[in-house]
Amino acid sequence: MRCSYSCRSIEHVLSRRSFLGGLAAGFGAAAGFAGRPMGALAADLQRGGYQILMIYLAGGSSQLETWDPKPGTATGGPFRAIETSVPGVRISELLPKTAQQMHHLSLFRGLNTSEDDHGKGHYLMHTGRRQAPGVEHPHLGSLAARFLAPERDPLPGYIHITPGGGGFSGKDAAFLGPKYGALTLGNGNPPVNADRPGSIGEAEDLARHQLRMRLDRRFDTRRRTAETEAYTATYDQALQLMERRDVFDVTKEPTRDQDRYGSHDLGRHCLLARRLLEAGATFVKVTHSNYDTHNENFDFHLEQVGEFDVSFSALIADLAERGMLDRTLVIVNSEFGRTPNINQYYGRDHWSKAWSVALAGAGIKRGSVVGATNENGTEVVDGEAHGEALFHTYLRAIGIDPVIDEFSVNGRAFQIADPAFYPIEDLLA
């Protein structure tokens, strides 16, 4: 569905997953690491207990109305910059509650991704790679599902909470195999059919499950594929999810907590994300849309960033108070930023040459700002880095060294991140 203020690119008409295409079948599912054996790496990472939370501001949020305001300039717009809990660090006045949590966050204001297309920007910010014909790379959520999630975890390794429809998709996993794809909770609703039908008793249900397992084993002896393995794993996990279906019910939270997160959908989705992380989920992504503000940029950000401020600040405060932030990497990103220049419709267009992201937790420094743009926000003047380097930084923050560790896919070495880039060291603790 196209928003009236957005561009008319195809991904605002079709689902983003459909736009990004299918699984790269040519790679197969057997993947390992050349730097460290896959099993050893996974075991090391699982012992670390890292989790990842991504808040994705779909459509391209404005850095000038969030993390890098330029008040009083020709490009700054109508909003002020306010002080935060870190002396000398200012962010947009649309984020007053988040400003109080700045000592938990780090801002990177030097991002230059040079990719103004929605689909390509989305792909880069999720995989750390540029799109290339005939090649698909795994998303960060699928990498986390493969290497951070415990083998018998009852919760899916990659959970996506988003407006719109839900279901399971293996596309994001690429050559890791569909087992590590995303379970999408459409509108934050729990997985469908999580309750056993009342007409089927527990003993009868167990007998059906045992019969299915015998048939699966017989089928696997002749026709075992990555897809059949994924189906079996998903079915087994669904049975475990049925025992933990209450984790998806945010109404079980105290009313005061529901109020702190906000009565809007994003508040409910962020509260669900916290519940899932507390329950041991490895990677949770929350999508807030649609920031593609070619028209009425300021009115839209006033409303949308206002929602984000309430929910995100409550979530960061809770993760810190519960001692979870030390092991949870938090990422707030988009596919790009918005133009410093304001167009004739009071909007900002696509801008990838100088924009910002926010990070927190795990191996990230707290209360710091890295990189800087010029007075009007038109270019990076200090600490410039690209999206590939940012992806390296994510991996290093959770214990993966992307310079050393690489995949072995059907006998072919394949590095986990673009080997031409390195982490942004100033962001790492």
Protein backbone atom coordinates (compact mmCIF):
# COMPACT_ATOMS: atom_id res chain seq x y z
CA MET A 1 0.00 0.00 0.00
CA ARG A 2 1.51 3.34 -1.01
CA CYS A 3 1.60 6.10 1.60
CA SER A 4 0.58 9.53 0.36
CA TYR A 5 3.80 11.10 1.60
CA SER A 6 6.17 8.45 0.22
CA CYS A 7 7.88 7.85 -3.09
CA ARG A 8 6.25 5.45 -5.55
CA SER A 9 8.95 2.81 -5.53
CA ILE A 10 7.78 -0.76 -5.94
CA GLU A 11 8.63 -1.83 -2.37
CA HIS A 12 5.94 0.52 -1.08
CA VAL A 13 3.39 -1.33 -3.20
CA LEU A 14 4.60 -4.91 -2.75
CA SER A 15 5.84 -6.51 0.44
CA ARG A 16 9.52 -5.87 1.04
CA ARG A 17 10.19 -9.59 1.32
CA SER A 18 8.69 -10.21 -2.10
CA PHE A 19 10.73 -7.38 -3.51
CA LEU A 20 14.00 -8.79 -2.21
CA GLY A 21 13.50 -12.08 -3.99
CA GLY A 22 14.00 -15.72 -3.12
CA LEU A 23 16.48 -18.09 -1.65
CA ALA A 24 19.80 -18.48 -3.46
CA ALA A 25 19.43 -22.19 -4.14
CA GLY A 26 22.80 -22.57 -5.82
CA PHE A 27 24.69 -22.23 -2.54
CA GLY A 28 23.05 -25.16 -0.74
CA ALA A 29 22.74 -25.34 3.04
CA ALA A 30 26.07 -26.75 4.20
CA ALA A 31 27.96 -23.80 5.64
CA GLY A 32 30.93 -23.71 7.97
CA PHE A 33 33.73 -21.42 9.08
CA ALA A 34 37.32 -21.58 7.91
CA GLY A 35 38.65 -19.32 10.69
CA ARG A 36 37.11 -21.44 13.47
CA PRO A 37 35.16 -24.67 13.05
CA MET A 38 31.47 -23.87 12.83
CA GLY A 39 30.58 -25.96 15.87
CA ALA A 40 33.31 -24.38 17.98
CA LEU A 41 32.32 -20.86 16.97
CA ALA A 42 28.64 -21.49 17.67
CA ALA A 43 29.48 -23.04 21.05
CA ASP A 44 31.67 -20.06 22.00
CA LEU A 45 29.00 -17.57 20.99
CA GLN A 46 26.20 -19.45 22.71
CA ARG A 47 28.18 -19.48 25.95
CA GLY A 48 28.43 -15.70 25.64
CA GLY A 49 24.64 -15.49 25.68
CA TYR A 50 24.44 -12.56 23.26
CA GLN A 51 21.11 -11.32 21.95
CA ILE A 52 20.31 -8.69 19.31
CA LEU A 53 17.47 -6.19 19.12
CA MET A 54 17.01 -4.24 15.88
CA ILE A 55 14.57 -1.34 15.65
CA TYR A 56 14.15 -0.71 11.93
CA LEU A 57 12.69 2.67 10.93
CA ALA A 58 11.48 1.59 7.51
CA GLY A 59 11.43 4.04 4.64
CA GLY A 60 14.40 6.11 5.80
CA SER A 61 14.07 8.19 8.96
CA SER A 62 15.50 11.70 9.05
CA GLN A 63 18.77 12.07 10.91
CA LEU A 64 18.01 15.79 11.22
CA GLU A 65 14.81 15.08 13.16
CA THR A 66 16.47 12.41 15.33
CA TRP A 67 20.20 11.92 16.01
CA ASP A 68 21.95 14.80 14.20
CA PRO A 69 19.84 17.98 14.37
CA LYS A 70 21.00 21.21 12.73
CA PRO A 71 18.78 23.91 14.27
CA GLY A 72 19.08 27.44 13.00
CA THR A 73 20.53 26.44 9.63
CA ALA A 74 18.99 26.55 6.17
CA THR A 75 18.49 22.79 6.26
CA GLY A 76 17.67 22.33 9.94
CA GLY A 77 13.90 22.50 9.90
CA PRO A 78 11.69 23.80 12.74
CA PHE A 79 12.83 21.64 15.65
CA ARG A 80 15.36 22.45 18.35
CA ALA A 81 18.25 20.36 19.66
CA ILE A 82 18.10 19.41 23.35
CA GLU A 83 20.62 18.33 25.96
CA THR A 84 20.87 14.66 26.91
CA SER A 85 22.12 12.69 29.90
CA VAL A 86 25.60 12.92 28.33
CA PRO A 87 26.96 16.46 28.69
CA GLY A 88 27.56 18.13 25.34
CA VAL A 89 25.57 15.60 23.31
CA ARG A 90 22.39 17.01 21.79
CA ILE A 91 19.65 15.29 19.84
CA SER A 92 16.30 16.39 18.40
CA GLU A 93 13.69 17.79 20.75
CA LEU A 94 11.35 15.12 19.35
CA LEU A 95 13.27 12.62 21.53
CA PRO A 96 13.02 14.00 25.10
CA LYS A 97 12.66 10.61 26.80
CA THR A 98 15.41 9.02 24.73
CA ALA A 99 17.64 11.97 25.62
CA GLN A 100 17.43 10.80 29.25
CA GLN A 101 18.80 7.40 28.19
CA MET A 102 21.69 8.76 26.11
CA HIS A 103 24.28 7.47 28.61
CA HIS A 104 23.30 3.95 27.49
CA LEU A 105 23.56 4.75 23.76
CA SER A 106 26.18 5.55 21.15
CA LEU A 107 25.51 7.58 18.02
CA PHE A 108 27.29 7.12 14.75
CA ARG A 109 26.92 10.32 12.72
CA GLY A 110 29.44 9.50 10.00
CA LEU A 111 27.52 7.00 7.89
CA ASN A 112 27.86 7.20 4.10
CA THR A 113 26.23 4.24 2.38
CA SER A 114 25.95 5.80 -1.11
CA GLU A 115 22.76 3.85 -1.79
CA ASP A 116 19.56 5.84 -2.27
CA ASP A 117 17.35 2.97 -3.46
CA HIS A 118 15.00 1.49 -0.84
CA GLY A 119 15.56 -2.16 -1.69
CA LYS A 120 19.32 -1.90 -2.10
CA GLY A 121 19.65 0.21 1.04
CA HIS A 122 17.58 -2.30 3.02
CA TYR A 123 19.73 -5.15 1.74
CA LEU A 124 22.98 -3.38 2.63
CA MET A 125 21.86 -2.48 6.14
CA HIS A 126 20.76 -6.06 6.86
CA THR A 127 23.55 -8.04 5.19
CA GLY A 128 26.54 -5.69 5.09
CA ARG A 129 26.86 -6.33 1.35
CA ARG A 130 25.88 -4.64 -1.88
CA GLN A 131 23.27 -6.45 -3.94
CA ALA A 132 24.73 -8.41 -6.84
CA PRO A 133 22.91 -10.49 -9.48
CA GLY A 134 22.62 -14.17 -8.65
CA VAL A 135 23.95 -13.88 -5.08
CA GLU A 136 22.05 -13.67 -1.80
CA HIS A 137 23.69 -13.08 1.57
CA PRO A 138 22.19 -13.95 4.96
CA HIS A 139 20.63 -11.20 7.02
CA LEU A 140 22.01 -10.41 10.47
CA GLY A 141 18.95 -12.06 12.03
CA SER A 142 19.65 -15.32 10.22
CA LEU A 143 23.33 -15.24 11.19
CA ALA A 144 22.25 -14.76 14.80
CA ALA A 145 19.79 -17.64 14.52
CA ARG A 146 22.56 -19.90 13.21
CA PHE A 147 25.41 -18.96 15.51
CA LEU A 148 23.94 -17.43 18.67
CA ALA A 149 20.74 -19.40 19.27
CA PRO A 150 20.94 -22.58 21.37
CA GLU A 151 20.37 -25.68 19.25
CA ARG A 152 17.17 -26.73 21.03
CA ASP A 153 15.81 -23.26 21.72
CA PRO A 154 11.99 -23.38 21.78
CA LEU A 155 11.85 -19.82 20.43
CA PRO A 156 12.80 -19.18 16.79
CA GLY A 157 16.24 -17.66 16.44
CA TYR A 158 14.99 -14.79 14.25
CA ILE A 159 11.70 -13.09 15.16
CA HIS A 160 10.38 -10.08 13.25
CA ILE A 161 7.59 -7.95 14.73
CA THR A 162 6.03 -5.79 12.04
CA PRO A 163 2.83 -4.09 10.91
CA GLY A 164 1.00 -6.17 8.33
CA GLY A 165 0.90 -9.91 7.77
CA GLY A 166 2.82 -12.65 9.53
CA GLY A 167 4.19 -16.09 8.78
CA PHE A 168 7.52 -17.81 8.22
CA SER A 169 10.04 -16.98 5.50
CA GLY A 170 13.40 -18.59 4.80
CA LYS A 171 14.48 -15.97 2.27
CA ASP A 172 16.56 -13.88 4.66
CA ALA A 173 18.72 -16.91 5.50
CA ALA A 174 20.12 -17.26 1.94
CA PHE A 175 22.66 -20.10 1.81
CA LEU A 176 22.39 -20.82 5.55
CA GLY A 177 19.15 -22.62 4.71
CA PRO A 178 15.51 -21.83 5.43
CA LYS A 179 15.76 -23.23 8.95
CA TYR A 180 17.31 -19.89 9.93
CA GLY A 181 14.71 -17.68 8.32
CA ALA A 182 12.41 -15.22 10.07
CA LEU A 183 9.22 -15.90 11.96
CA THR A 184 7.17 -12.76 11.32
CA LEU A 185 4.62 -11.73 13.93
CA GLY A 186 2.23 -9.65 11.83
CA ASN A 187 0.98 -6.69 13.86
CA GLY A 188 2.70 -8.27 16.85
CA ASN A 189 0.19 -11.12 16.96
CA PRO A 190 1.39 -14.53 18.19
CA PRO A 191 2.00 -17.34 15.70
CA VAL A 192 -1.25 -18.72 14.36
CA ASN A 193 -2.58 -22.10 15.51
CA ALA A 194 -0.56 -21.99 18.73
CA ASP A 195 -3.37 -23.76 20.60
CA ARG A 196 -4.20 -27.43 20.18
CA PRO A 197 -7.74 -27.84 18.80
CA GLY A 198 -10.20 -28.71 21.52
CA SER A 199 -11.38 -31.73 19.55
CA ILE A 200 -7.96 -33.42 19.87
CA GLY A 201 -6.82 -34.83 23.19
CA GLU A 202 -3.24 -34.71 24.48
CA ALA A 203 -2.64 -38.44 23.99
CA GLU A 204 -4.03 -38.36 20.45
CA ASP A 205 -1.87 -35.34 19.64
CA LEU A 206 1.25 -37.12 20.93
CA ALA A 207 0.45 -40.18 18.81
CA ARG A 208 0.11 -37.97 15.71
CA HIS A 209 3.45 -36.37 16.48
CA GLN A 210 5.18 -39.74 16.87
CA LEU A 211 3.70 -40.96 13.57
CA ARG A 212 4.93 -37.81 11.83
CA MET A 213 8.44 -38.35 13.22
CA ARG A 214 8.54 -41.93 11.88
CA LEU A 215 7.36 -40.80 8.45
CA ASP A 216 9.90 -37.95 8.46
CA ARG A 217 12.76 -40.34 9.19
CA ARG A 218 11.66 -42.66 6.38
CA PHE A 219 11.37 -39.73 3.95
CA ASP A 220 14.78 -38.36 4.96
CA THR A 221 16.58 -41.56 4.03
CA ARG A 222 15.87 -40.85 0.34
CA ARG A 223 14.93 -37.22 -0.15
CA ARG A 224 16.61 -35.18 2.55
CA THR A 225 17.05 -31.49 1.58
CA ALA A 226 17.54 -28.18 3.36
CA GLU A 227 13.84 -27.47 2.86
CA THR A 228 12.69 -30.74 4.45
CA GLU A 229 15.07 -30.21 7.37
CA ALA A 230 13.68 -26.71 7.84
CA TYR A 231 10.11 -28.04 7.76
CA THR A 232 10.88 -30.67 10.38
CA ALA A 233 12.71 -28.20 12.61
CA THR A 234 9.91 -25.67 12.29
CA TYR A 235 7.27 -28.26 13.16
CA ASP A 236 9.22 -29.43 16.22
CA GLN A 237 9.74 -25.84 17.31
CA ALA A 238 6.03 -25.11 16.85
CA LEU A 239 5.22 -27.85 19.36
CA GLN A 240 7.56 -26.22 21.86
CA LEU A 241 6.08 -22.80 21.13
CA MET A 242 2.65 -24.12 22.04
CA GLU A 243 3.97 -24.65 25.55
CA ARG A 244 5.25 -21.05 25.71
CA ARG A 245 2.50 -19.20 23.89
CA ASP A 246 1.94 -16.88 26.88
CA VAL A 247 5.24 -15.12 26.10
CA PHE A 248 3.51 -13.46 23.14
CA ASP A 249 0.72 -11.99 25.29
CA VAL A 250 1.65 -8.46 26.35
CA THR A 251 -1.61 -8.07 28.28
CA LYS A 252 0.04 -10.14 30.99
CA GLU A 253 2.32 -7.18 31.67
CA PRO A 254 1.28 -4.76 34.44
CA THR A 255 -0.92 -1.94 33.23
CA ARG A 256 1.69 0.62 34.28
CA ASP A 257 4.25 -1.01 31.98
CA GLN A 258 1.82 -1.11 29.08
CA ASP A 259 1.21 2.61 29.65
CA ARG A 260 4.96 3.37 29.82
CA TYR A 261 5.50 1.78 26.41
CA GLY A 262 2.53 3.56 24.84
CA SER A 263 -0.96 2.58 23.75
CA HIS A 264 -0.02 2.65 20.05
CA ASP A 265 1.11 -0.39 18.05
CA LEU A 266 4.82 0.39 18.41
CA GLY A 267 4.45 0.44 22.18
CA ARG A 268 2.85 -2.99 22.11
CA HIS A 269 5.50 -4.28 19.70
CA CYS A 270 8.42 -3.00 21.79
CA LEU A 271 6.91 -4.46 24.95
CA LEU A 272 6.56 -7.78 23.14
CA ALA A 273 10.21 -7.51 22.06
CA ARG A 274 11.26 -7.11 25.69
CA ARG A 275 9.20 -10.13 26.73
CA LEU A 276 10.76 -12.22 23.96
CA LEU A 277 14.29 -11.16 24.89
CA GLU A 278 13.59 -11.94 28.55
CA ALA A 279 12.32 -15.36 27.46
CA GLY A 280 15.64 -15.99 25.68
CA ALA A 281 14.93 -14.99 22.07
CA THR A 282 18.19 -14.51 20.18
CA PHE A 283 17.32 -11.91 17.55
CA VAL A 284 14.24 -9.68 17.63
CA LYS A 285 13.55 -7.07 14.98
CA VAL A 286 10.82 -4.46 15.38
CA THR A 287 9.78 -2.51 12.28
CA HIS A 288 8.27 0.96 12.60
CA SER A 289 7.00 2.41 9.33
CA ASN A 290 6.81 4.37 7.10
CA TYR A 291 9.41 7.14 7.27
CA ASP A 292 9.57 7.83 3.53
CA THR A 293 8.60 11.47 4.00
CA HIS A 294 8.80 13.10 0.58
CA ASN A 295 5.78 15.15 1.71
CA GLU A 296 5.12 16.79 5.09
CA ASN A 297 8.32 15.50 6.67
CA PHE A 298 7.99 17.56 9.84
CA ASP A 299 4.38 16.72 10.68
CA PHE A 300 5.09 13.05 10.11
CA HIS A 301 8.24 12.94 12.24
CA LEU A 302 6.48 14.87 14.98
CA GLU A 303 4.00 12.00 15.26
CA GLN A 304 6.14 8.98 14.37
CA VAL A 305 9.28 9.95 16.28
CA GLY A 306 7.04 10.82 19.21
CA GLU A 307 5.82 7.21 19.26
CA PHE A 308 9.35 5.89 18.87
CA ASP A 309 10.63 8.10 21.71
CA VAL A 310 8.13 6.77 24.24
CA SER A 311 8.55 3.08 23.36
CA PHE A 312 12.29 3.00 22.69
CA SER A 313 13.24 4.90 25.84
CA ALA A 314 11.12 2.55 27.97
CA LEU A 315 12.71 -0.47 26.30
CA ILE A 316 16.29 0.76 26.79
CA ALA A 317 15.59 1.66 30.42
CA ASP A 318 14.13 -1.78 31.09
CA LEU A 319 17.01 -3.64 29.42
CA ALA A 320 19.50 -1.63 31.46
CA GLU A 321 17.59 -2.03 34.74
CA ARG A 322 17.25 -5.80 34.26
CA GLY A 323 20.96 -6.20 33.52
CA MET A 324 20.25 -7.34 29.95
CA LEU A 325 21.98 -4.53 28.08
CA ASP A 326 25.46 -5.93 28.67
CA ARG A 327 24.59 -8.93 26.49
CA THR A 328 22.06 -7.36 24.12
CA LEU A 329 23.25 -5.48 21.05
CA VAL A 330 20.68 -2.79 20.21
CA ILE A 331 20.60 -1.32 16.70
CA VAL A 332 18.37 1.52 15.46
CA ASN A 333 18.73 1.92 11.69
CA SER A 334 16.99 2.55 8.37
CA GLU A 335 17.85 1.98 4.73
CA PHE A 336 19.16 5.58 4.48
CA GLY A 337 18.53 9.06 5.85
CA ARG A 338 16.72 12.11 4.45
CA THR A 339 18.05 15.02 2.40
CA PRO A 340 19.22 18.13 4.24
CA ASN A 341 17.46 20.22 1.58
CA ILE A 342 13.71 20.56 2.02
CA ASN A 343 11.67 20.07 -1.13
CA GLN A 344 8.64 22.04 -2.37
CA TYR A 345 6.28 19.68 -0.54
CA TYR A 346 7.93 20.34 2.85
CA GLY A 347 9.46 16.89 2.59
CA ARG A 348 12.92 15.40 2.62
CA ASP A 349 14.01 12.95 -0.06
CA HIS A 350 16.38 9.95 0.00
CA TRP A 351 19.86 10.71 1.35
CA SER A 352 22.59 8.15 2.01
CA LYS A 353 25.74 10.29 1.92
CA ALA A 354 25.64 11.61 5.48
CA TRP A 355 23.31 10.10 8.06
CA SER A 356 23.15 8.48 11.49
CA VAL A 357 22.34 5.31 13.41
CA ALA A 358 22.08 4.60 17.14
CA LEU A 359 23.63 1.63 18.93
CA ALA A 360 23.73 0.31 22.49
CA GLY A 361 24.68 -2.66 24.62
CA ALA A 362 26.95 -5.70 24.16
CA GLY A 363 30.38 -4.60 22.93
CA ILE A 364 29.39 -1.00 22.13
CA LYS A 365 30.76 2.03 23.98
CA ARG A 366 28.14 3.92 25.93
CA GLY A 367 27.42 7.62 25.92
CA SER A 368 29.61 8.39 22.92
CA VAL A 369 29.26 10.08 19.55
CA VAL A 370 31.42 8.94 16.63
CA GLY A 371 31.63 10.81 13.33
CA ALA A 372 30.35 14.25 12.41
CA THR A 373 28.67 16.05 9.54
CA ASN A 374 29.17 19.64 8.44
CA GLU A 375 27.04 22.57 9.55
CA ASN A 376 24.23 21.83 7.10
CA GLY A 377 24.46 18.03 7.28
CA THR A 378 25.34 17.69 3.61
CA GLU A 379 28.52 15.65 4.05
CA VAL A 380 30.55 13.75 6.62
CA VAL A 381 33.55 15.72 7.81
CA ASP A 382 34.92 13.37 10.47
CA GLY A 383 34.99 9.58 10.93
CA GLU A 384 33.25 8.62 7.71
CA ALA A 385 32.41 4.91 7.30
CA HIS A 386 30.22 2.80 5.04
CA GLY A 387 27.44 0.31 5.68
CA GLU A 388 29.80 -2.63 5.22
CA ALA A 389 32.00 -1.34 8.06
CA LEU A 390 28.94 -0.90 10.26
CA PHE A 391 28.03 -4.55 9.68
CA HIS A 392 31.57 -5.57 10.70
CA THR A 393 30.99 -3.56 13.88
CA TYR A 394 27.77 -5.43 14.69
CA LEU A 395 29.57 -8.75 14.35
CA ARG A 396 32.54 -7.74 16.48
CA ALA A 397 30.18 -6.49 19.19
CA ILE A 398 28.74 -10.01 19.58
CA GLY A 399 32.03 -11.91 19.44
CA ILE A 400 32.45 -12.72 15.74
CA ASP A 401 35.66 -11.56 14.06
CA PRO A 402 34.57 -11.11 10.43
CA VAL A 403 38.17 -10.57 9.30
CA ILE A 404 39.21 -14.06 10.46
CA ASP A 405 36.04 -16.14 10.35
CA GLU A 406 34.64 -17.17 6.99
CA PHE A 407 32.05 -19.56 5.63
CA SER A 408 32.86 -22.71 3.75
CA VAL A 409 29.91 -23.18 1.40
CA ASN A 410 30.03 -26.42 -0.58
CA GLY A 411 33.83 -26.25 -0.39
CA ARG A 412 34.03 -22.59 -1.38
CA ALA A 413 35.44 -20.05 1.09
CA PHE A 414 33.02 -17.20 1.71
CA GLN A 415 33.67 -14.45 4.24
CA ILE A 416 30.93 -13.52 6.65
CA ALA A 417 31.35 -9.79 5.93
CA ASP A 418 32.80 -7.82 3.05
CA PRO A 419 36.60 -8.36 3.33
CA ALA A 420 37.34 -4.90 1.94
CA PHE A 421 36.08 -3.28 5.16
CA TYR A 422 36.81 -3.31 8.90
CA PRO A 423 34.87 -2.51 12.08
CA ILE A 424 34.45 1.04 13.30
CA GLU A 425 36.79 0.71 16.25
CA ASP A 426 35.72 3.93 17.96
CA LEU A 427 32.24 2.43 18.49
CA LEU A 428 33.55 -0.70 20.21
CA ALA A 429 34.14 -0.90 23.95
